[in-house]
Amino acid sequence: MKPSSSLLSAVAFAALLSCAGTPALAQAKFVLKLAHSDSVDMATSRKAVMADTFAKEVKARSGGRIDVQVFGAGALGGERELVEGVKNGFIQAGLASGVMANFYPNAMVTDIPYLFPNNEVADKVMDGPFGQKLSADFQAATGMHNLCFGEVGFRHFSTGKTPVHSPKDLAGLKIRVQETPLYVTEMKALGAQPTPIAFPETYTALQTGVVDGEENPLPTIIFAKFYEVQKHVTLDGHNYGVDWFVMSDKFYKSLPADLQKVVTDSAKSACAAERKANRTFTANGAKILAEKGVTVYTPTAAEMGQFRAAAQPPVIDFLKTKIDPKLIDSIQAAVKQAEGGK
């Protein structure tokens, strides 16, 4: 029995639609809004470098099929607002650091004091199986993708009058900290008097003696001109900050498979560029501070051991009340492995 001409026409039309649909999807264009709250000056801002690298990589790799629109300097809000925007799908992607613990408490695990001895170990841990597992858990818990880990970098102490070489030098000093329980716990463990103050008010607090010192990565100390009111910097690297590159799950899944790969590969390039820029800023930072009349001190191995012994146990005990203790064991094991099993 021969099929009717109308049936043949229907089949042919359906086949035509099927063939036409795939190229149409492949050529569809997408708008990707990427937000961060840092300066847009790539000579000083690691996130500006990260965003610019990502935008250029995506444009080149996608042939212009994804239009990345960068909104820096808090144009779409502070870190909390932009991550909320990503989570709700109003913003496609964002770069954020300390605020992530508000959305995903396990993010605090990388804040264990004196966890990473250097950049190389941090890279191996965050780019390796531990970092991949953390990102997968983050997606399951929040519905957001973490495309890669950038870095805030190592945090150091600056003080106005008292040089800090070991924990005993911090005894009684009022140290400005972020309004975060973990940092308060850490400073108390080191013998200091933690004083939470909003970042915009920190310079004045240092200048007027409300606090004796503060702690931040070197690029931040320089950007904020704390060297004008702080004459000592101690390169103890007590915490290593992580930048998260988060993306809306809804947006990511709306992309064809080839463009998902473009986004993922471009993000990895952007995180690598950010780390490189941040480390250049940091390396130049010590020299700039010295030229500004600041005494820059690097603790000895014995002094670093004293810092670690004082700060790590209390903070780990605190973290065990907030996150899964197995996660703490996991990152410590990953650090040991990255160090070569020492």
Protein backbone atom coordinates (compact mmCIF):
# COMPACT_ATOMS: atom_id res chain seq x y z
CA MET A 1 0.00 0.00 0.00
CA LYS A 2 1.50 3.34 -1.07
CA PRO A 3 1.53 6.26 1.36
CA SER A 4 -0.65 9.20 0.42
CA SER A 5 0.88 12.33 -1.07
CA SER A 6 -0.35 14.34 1.97
CA LEU A 7 1.50 11.99 4.37
CA LEU A 8 4.68 12.27 2.30
CA SER A 9 4.38 16.05 2.37
CA ALA A 10 3.94 16.07 6.15
CA VAL A 11 6.99 13.86 6.67
CA ALA A 12 9.07 16.00 4.30
CA PHE A 13 8.00 19.20 6.07
CA ALA A 14 8.84 17.73 9.50
CA ALA A 15 12.25 16.66 8.25
CA LEU A 16 12.85 20.15 6.89
CA LEU A 17 11.99 21.71 10.26
CA SER A 18 14.27 19.26 12.02
CA CYS A 19 17.19 20.05 9.75
CA ALA A 20 16.61 23.78 9.97
CA GLY A 21 16.28 23.84 13.76
CA THR A 22 19.83 22.78 14.61
CA PRO A 23 21.64 25.44 12.55
CA ALA A 24 19.20 28.04 13.86
CA LEU A 25 20.09 27.15 17.46
CA ALA A 26 23.77 27.00 16.62
CA GLN A 27 23.67 30.52 15.21
CA ALA A 28 21.54 32.01 17.99
CA LYS A 29 23.18 34.90 19.83
CA PHE A 30 23.29 35.26 23.59
CA VAL A 31 23.87 38.23 25.87
CA LEU A 32 26.01 37.52 28.95
CA LYS A 33 26.13 40.22 31.63
CA LEU A 34 29.23 39.80 33.81
CA ALA A 35 29.35 41.85 37.02
CA HIS A 36 32.00 42.62 39.62
CA SER A 37 32.45 45.30 42.29
CA ASP A 38 36.16 46.05 41.78
CA SER A 39 37.79 48.97 39.99
CA VAL A 40 37.71 48.85 36.19
CA ASP A 41 41.37 49.88 36.01
CA MET A 42 43.26 46.85 34.73
CA ALA A 43 46.54 48.34 35.98
CA THR A 44 45.39 47.81 39.56
CA SER A 45 42.33 45.53 39.56
CA ARG A 46 42.67 41.77 39.24
CA LYS A 47 38.93 41.39 38.59
CA ALA A 48 39.06 43.93 35.78
CA VAL A 49 41.78 41.79 34.18
CA MET A 50 39.70 38.67 34.74
CA ALA A 51 36.55 40.15 33.21
CA ASP A 52 38.35 41.65 30.22
CA THR A 53 40.16 38.38 29.46
CA PHE A 54 36.92 36.43 29.66
CA ALA A 55 35.05 38.85 27.37
CA LYS A 56 37.78 38.74 24.72
CA GLU A 57 38.20 34.98 24.89
CA VAL A 58 34.46 34.35 24.59
CA LYS A 59 34.13 36.69 21.63
CA ALA A 60 37.01 35.03 19.80
CA ARG A 61 36.06 31.44 20.61
CA SER A 62 32.34 31.89 19.91
CA GLY A 63 32.74 33.93 16.75
CA GLY A 64 30.68 36.67 18.34
CA ARG A 65 27.73 34.42 19.15
CA ILE A 66 27.99 35.42 22.83
CA ASP A 67 28.01 39.12 23.63
CA VAL A 68 29.75 39.58 27.00
CA GLN A 69 28.81 42.88 28.63
CA VAL A 70 31.03 43.72 31.60
CA PHE A 71 29.65 45.81 34.48
CA GLY A 72 32.45 46.69 36.90
CA ALA A 73 32.90 49.04 39.87
CA GLY A 74 29.67 47.84 41.48
CA ALA A 75 27.49 49.07 38.62
CA LEU A 76 25.03 46.23 39.30
CA GLY A 77 25.52 46.29 43.07
CA GLY A 78 27.97 44.99 45.64
CA GLU A 79 29.10 41.38 45.80
CA ARG A 80 26.06 40.19 47.75
CA GLU A 81 23.68 41.84 45.29
CA LEU A 82 25.43 40.54 42.21
CA VAL A 83 25.55 36.95 43.51
CA GLU A 84 21.85 37.18 44.35
CA GLY A 85 21.32 38.42 40.80
CA VAL A 86 23.17 35.42 39.40
CA LYS A 87 21.27 33.01 41.64
CA ASN A 88 17.94 34.50 40.54
CA GLY A 89 18.96 34.64 36.87
CA PHE A 90 18.85 38.43 36.55
CA ILE A 91 22.61 38.54 35.93
CA GLN A 92 24.29 35.80 33.93
CA ALA A 93 27.66 35.76 35.75
CA GLY A 94 29.60 37.44 38.54
CA LEU A 95 32.98 37.53 40.30
CA ALA A 96 32.88 37.41 44.10
CA SER A 97 34.97 36.36 47.10
CA GLY A 98 34.24 36.75 50.83
CA VAL A 99 30.48 37.09 50.41
CA MET A 100 30.21 33.54 49.02
CA ALA A 101 29.99 32.04 52.51
CA ASN A 102 26.58 33.72 52.89
CA PHE A 103 25.27 31.62 50.01
CA TYR A 104 27.43 28.53 50.54
CA PRO A 105 28.97 28.12 54.03
CA ASN A 106 31.44 25.49 52.79
CA ALA A 107 33.26 28.30 50.97
CA MET A 108 34.79 29.19 54.35
CA VAL A 109 36.99 26.09 54.20
CA THR A 110 39.63 27.94 52.16
CA ASP A 111 39.90 30.57 54.93
CA ILE A 112 41.68 28.23 57.35
CA PRO A 113 44.65 30.28 58.61
CA TYR A 114 48.07 29.43 57.18
CA LEU A 115 46.50 26.64 55.09
CA PHE A 116 48.43 27.23 51.85
CA PRO A 117 52.20 27.73 52.13
CA ASN A 118 52.50 29.31 48.68
CA ASN A 119 50.73 30.05 45.38
CA GLU A 120 51.79 26.79 43.74
CA VAL A 121 50.14 24.64 46.40
CA ALA A 122 47.00 26.79 46.31
CA ASP A 123 46.77 26.34 42.52
CA LYS A 124 47.15 22.56 42.73
CA VAL A 125 44.47 22.26 45.39
CA MET A 126 41.91 24.63 43.85
CA ASP A 127 42.41 23.38 40.27
CA GLY A 128 42.62 19.72 41.29
CA PRO A 129 40.14 17.11 42.54
CA PHE A 130 39.36 19.02 45.73
CA GLY A 131 38.43 22.23 43.89
CA GLN A 132 36.41 20.30 41.33
CA LYS A 133 34.49 18.50 44.08
CA LEU A 134 33.87 21.80 45.90
CA SER A 135 32.49 23.37 42.71
CA ALA A 136 30.22 20.37 42.08
CA ASP A 137 28.90 20.54 45.64
CA PHE A 138 28.39 24.29 45.26
CA GLN A 139 26.25 23.72 42.17
CA ALA A 140 24.18 21.04 43.90
CA ALA A 141 23.63 23.28 46.93
CA THR A 142 22.95 26.61 45.20
CA GLY A 143 21.96 25.93 41.60
CA MET A 144 24.83 28.11 40.41
CA HIS A 145 27.91 27.07 38.45
CA ASN A 146 31.41 27.92 39.64
CA LEU A 147 33.37 28.11 36.41
CA CYS A 148 36.80 28.37 38.06
CA PHE A 149 38.71 29.73 41.06
CA GLY A 150 40.60 32.99 40.83
CA GLU A 151 42.33 34.52 43.79
CA VAL A 152 42.20 37.42 46.19
CA GLY A 153 45.65 36.41 47.38
CA PHE A 154 47.40 36.18 50.73
CA ARG A 155 46.42 38.57 53.51
CA HIS A 156 49.10 40.34 55.57
CA PHE A 157 49.22 42.55 58.64
CA SER A 158 49.94 46.27 58.58
CA THR A 159 50.47 48.29 61.77
CA GLY A 160 51.15 51.90 62.61
CA LYS A 161 53.70 51.80 65.41
CA THR A 162 54.41 48.23 66.49
CA PRO A 163 56.26 45.90 64.11
CA VAL A 164 54.76 42.41 64.13
CA HIS A 165 57.22 39.50 63.94
CA SER A 166 55.31 36.87 65.92
CA PRO A 167 51.95 36.44 67.70
CA LYS A 168 53.25 38.01 70.90
CA ASP A 169 53.64 41.30 69.03
CA LEU A 170 49.90 41.31 68.28
CA ALA A 171 48.96 41.07 71.95
CA GLY A 172 46.52 43.85 72.78
CA LEU A 173 46.67 45.50 69.35
CA LYS A 174 43.35 46.60 67.90
CA ILE A 175 43.25 45.11 64.41
CA ARG A 176 40.55 46.09 61.93
CA VAL A 177 38.91 43.00 60.44
CA GLN A 178 36.02 42.25 58.13
CA GLU A 179 32.68 41.83 59.85
CA THR A 180 33.07 38.04 59.76
CA PRO A 181 33.04 35.68 62.76
CA LEU A 182 35.89 33.59 61.34
CA TYR A 183 38.26 36.57 61.20
CA VAL A 184 37.21 37.68 64.68
CA THR A 185 37.98 34.19 65.99
CA GLU A 186 41.34 34.18 64.23
CA MET A 187 42.50 37.55 65.56
CA LYS A 188 41.50 36.63 69.12
CA ALA A 189 43.50 33.42 68.80
CA LEU A 190 46.54 35.46 67.76
CA GLY A 191 46.15 37.70 70.81
CA ALA A 192 44.86 40.77 68.99
CA GLN A 193 41.67 42.71 69.69
CA PRO A 194 39.58 42.27 66.52
CA THR A 195 37.64 45.39 65.60
CA PRO A 196 35.12 44.97 62.75
CA ILE A 197 34.98 48.16 60.66
CA ALA A 198 33.52 48.72 57.19
CA PHE A 199 36.24 49.00 54.57
CA PRO A 200 35.45 52.62 53.51
CA GLU A 201 35.93 53.72 57.13
CA THR A 202 39.20 51.86 57.69
CA TYR A 203 41.65 54.59 56.58
CA THR A 204 40.18 57.11 59.00
CA ALA A 205 40.14 54.54 61.80
CA LEU A 206 43.85 53.89 61.22
CA GLN A 207 44.65 57.59 60.91
CA THR A 208 42.89 58.55 64.14
CA GLY A 209 44.14 55.59 66.15
CA VAL A 210 40.76 53.94 66.60
CA VAL A 211 42.63 50.80 65.53
CA ASP A 212 46.35 50.03 65.52
CA GLY A 213 46.42 48.03 62.32
CA GLU A 214 44.55 46.02 59.72
CA GLU A 215 45.07 43.03 57.43
CA ASN A 216 44.69 42.78 53.67
CA PRO A 217 46.48 41.62 50.50
CA LEU A 218 49.30 43.96 49.43
CA PRO A 219 47.46 45.34 46.36
CA THR A 220 44.58 46.40 48.64
CA ILE A 221 46.93 48.04 51.15
CA ILE A 222 48.46 50.05 48.31
CA PHE A 223 45.19 50.86 46.56
CA ALA A 224 43.69 52.16 49.82
CA LYS A 225 46.88 54.12 50.59
CA PHE A 226 47.12 52.59 54.05
CA TYR A 227 50.88 53.09 53.80
CA GLU A 228 50.23 56.75 54.59
CA VAL A 229 49.11 55.81 58.10
CA GLN A 230 50.78 52.40 58.55
CA LYS A 231 54.55 52.06 58.71
CA HIS A 232 54.98 48.31 59.18
CA VAL A 233 53.83 45.38 57.03
CA THR A 234 54.32 41.72 57.97
CA LEU A 235 54.21 39.20 55.12
CA ASP A 236 52.74 36.32 57.10
CA GLY A 237 50.01 35.41 54.57
CA HIS A 238 47.60 34.35 57.32
CA ASN A 239 44.67 33.78 54.96
CA TYR A 240 44.42 32.99 51.26
CA GLY A 241 41.39 34.54 49.57
CA VAL A 242 39.56 32.88 46.69
CA ASP A 243 37.56 34.55 43.92
CA TRP A 244 34.60 32.53 42.65
CA PHE A 245 33.45 32.88 39.02
CA VAL A 246 29.75 32.08 39.33
CA MET A 247 27.22 31.68 36.54
CA SER A 248 23.46 31.26 36.37
CA ASP A 249 22.57 27.60 35.93
CA LYS A 250 19.59 28.58 33.80
CA PHE A 251 21.76 30.61 31.44
CA TYR A 252 24.47 27.96 31.23
CA LYS A 253 21.96 25.26 30.32
CA SER A 254 20.38 27.52 27.68
CA LEU A 255 23.63 27.45 25.70
CA PRO A 256 24.34 24.85 23.02
CA ALA A 257 27.02 22.33 24.05
CA ASP A 258 29.71 24.00 21.98
CA LEU A 259 29.09 27.37 23.63
CA GLN A 260 29.07 25.79 27.09
CA LYS A 261 32.60 24.64 26.32
CA VAL A 262 33.52 28.12 25.08
CA VAL A 263 32.34 29.62 28.37
CA THR A 264 34.12 27.00 30.48
CA ASP A 265 37.43 27.25 28.60
CA SER A 266 37.32 31.05 28.51
CA ALA A 267 36.68 31.21 32.26
CA LYS A 268 39.73 29.05 32.95
CA SER A 269 41.83 31.42 30.85
CA ALA A 270 40.36 34.37 32.74
CA CYS A 271 41.14 32.86 36.15
CA ALA A 272 44.71 32.14 35.06
CA ALA A 273 45.08 35.73 33.83
CA GLU A 274 43.71 37.07 37.11
CA ARG A 275 46.13 35.01 39.18
CA LYS A 276 49.06 36.16 37.05
CA ALA A 277 48.04 39.82 37.31
CA ASN A 278 47.40 39.59 41.05
CA ARG A 279 50.79 38.01 41.65
CA THR A 280 52.47 40.72 39.62
CA PHE A 281 50.64 43.38 41.65
CA THR A 282 51.71 41.59 44.85
CA ALA A 283 55.36 41.18 43.81
CA ASN A 284 55.55 44.87 42.95
CA GLY A 285 53.71 45.72 46.15
CA ALA A 286 56.55 45.01 48.55
CA LYS A 287 58.85 47.26 46.52
CA ILE A 288 56.26 50.05 46.34
CA LEU A 289 55.69 49.92 50.10
CA ALA A 290 59.42 50.05 50.79
CA GLU A 291 59.69 53.11 48.56
CA LYS A 292 56.88 54.68 50.60
CA GLY A 293 58.93 54.28 53.76
CA VAL A 294 57.16 51.17 55.04
CA THR A 295 59.20 48.46 56.76
CA VAL A 296 58.30 45.14 55.13
CA TYR A 297 59.10 42.07 57.25
CA THR A 298 59.04 38.39 56.28
CA PRO A 299 58.69 36.08 59.31
CA THR A 300 61.18 33.26 59.78
CA ALA A 301 60.10 29.60 59.53
CA ALA A 302 60.02 29.41 63.33
CA GLU A 303 57.87 32.53 63.59
CA MET A 304 55.49 31.21 60.94
CA GLY A 305 55.17 28.04 63.00
CA GLN A 306 54.13 30.16 66.00
CA PHE A 307 51.49 32.00 63.94
CA ARG A 308 50.10 28.72 62.59
CA ALA A 309 50.03 26.96 65.96
CA ALA A 310 48.17 29.87 67.56
CA ALA A 311 45.56 30.50 64.85
CA GLN A 312 44.74 27.21 63.13
CA PRO A 313 43.21 25.08 65.92
CA PRO A 314 40.69 27.67 67.22
CA VAL A 315 39.52 28.55 63.70
CA ILE A 316 39.19 24.89 62.71
CA ASP A 317 37.16 24.27 65.89
CA PHE A 318 34.94 27.20 64.90
CA LEU A 319 34.54 25.90 61.34
CA LYS A 320 33.54 22.46 62.57
CA THR A 321 30.41 24.07 64.01
CA LYS A 322 29.54 25.61 60.62
CA ILE A 323 30.58 23.11 57.95
CA ASP A 324 31.16 19.37 57.54
CA PRO A 325 34.39 18.43 59.40
CA LYS A 326 35.13 15.93 56.59
CA LEU A 327 35.53 18.87 54.22
CA ILE A 328 38.21 20.32 56.48
CA ASP A 329 40.03 16.99 56.54
CA SER A 330 39.73 16.80 52.77
CA ILE A 331 41.33 20.17 52.05
CA GLN A 332 44.12 19.54 54.55
CA ALA A 333 44.84 16.22 52.84
CA ALA A 334 44.81 17.94 49.44
CA VAL A 335 47.33 20.53 50.69
CA LYS A 336 49.59 17.79 52.03
CA GLN A 337 49.42 15.94 48.71
CA ALA A 338 50.14 19.14 46.77
CA GLU A 339 53.19 19.71 48.94
CA GLY A 340 54.49 16.32 47.92
CA GLY A 341 53.19 14.29 50.79
CA LYS A 342 55.32 16.08 53.38
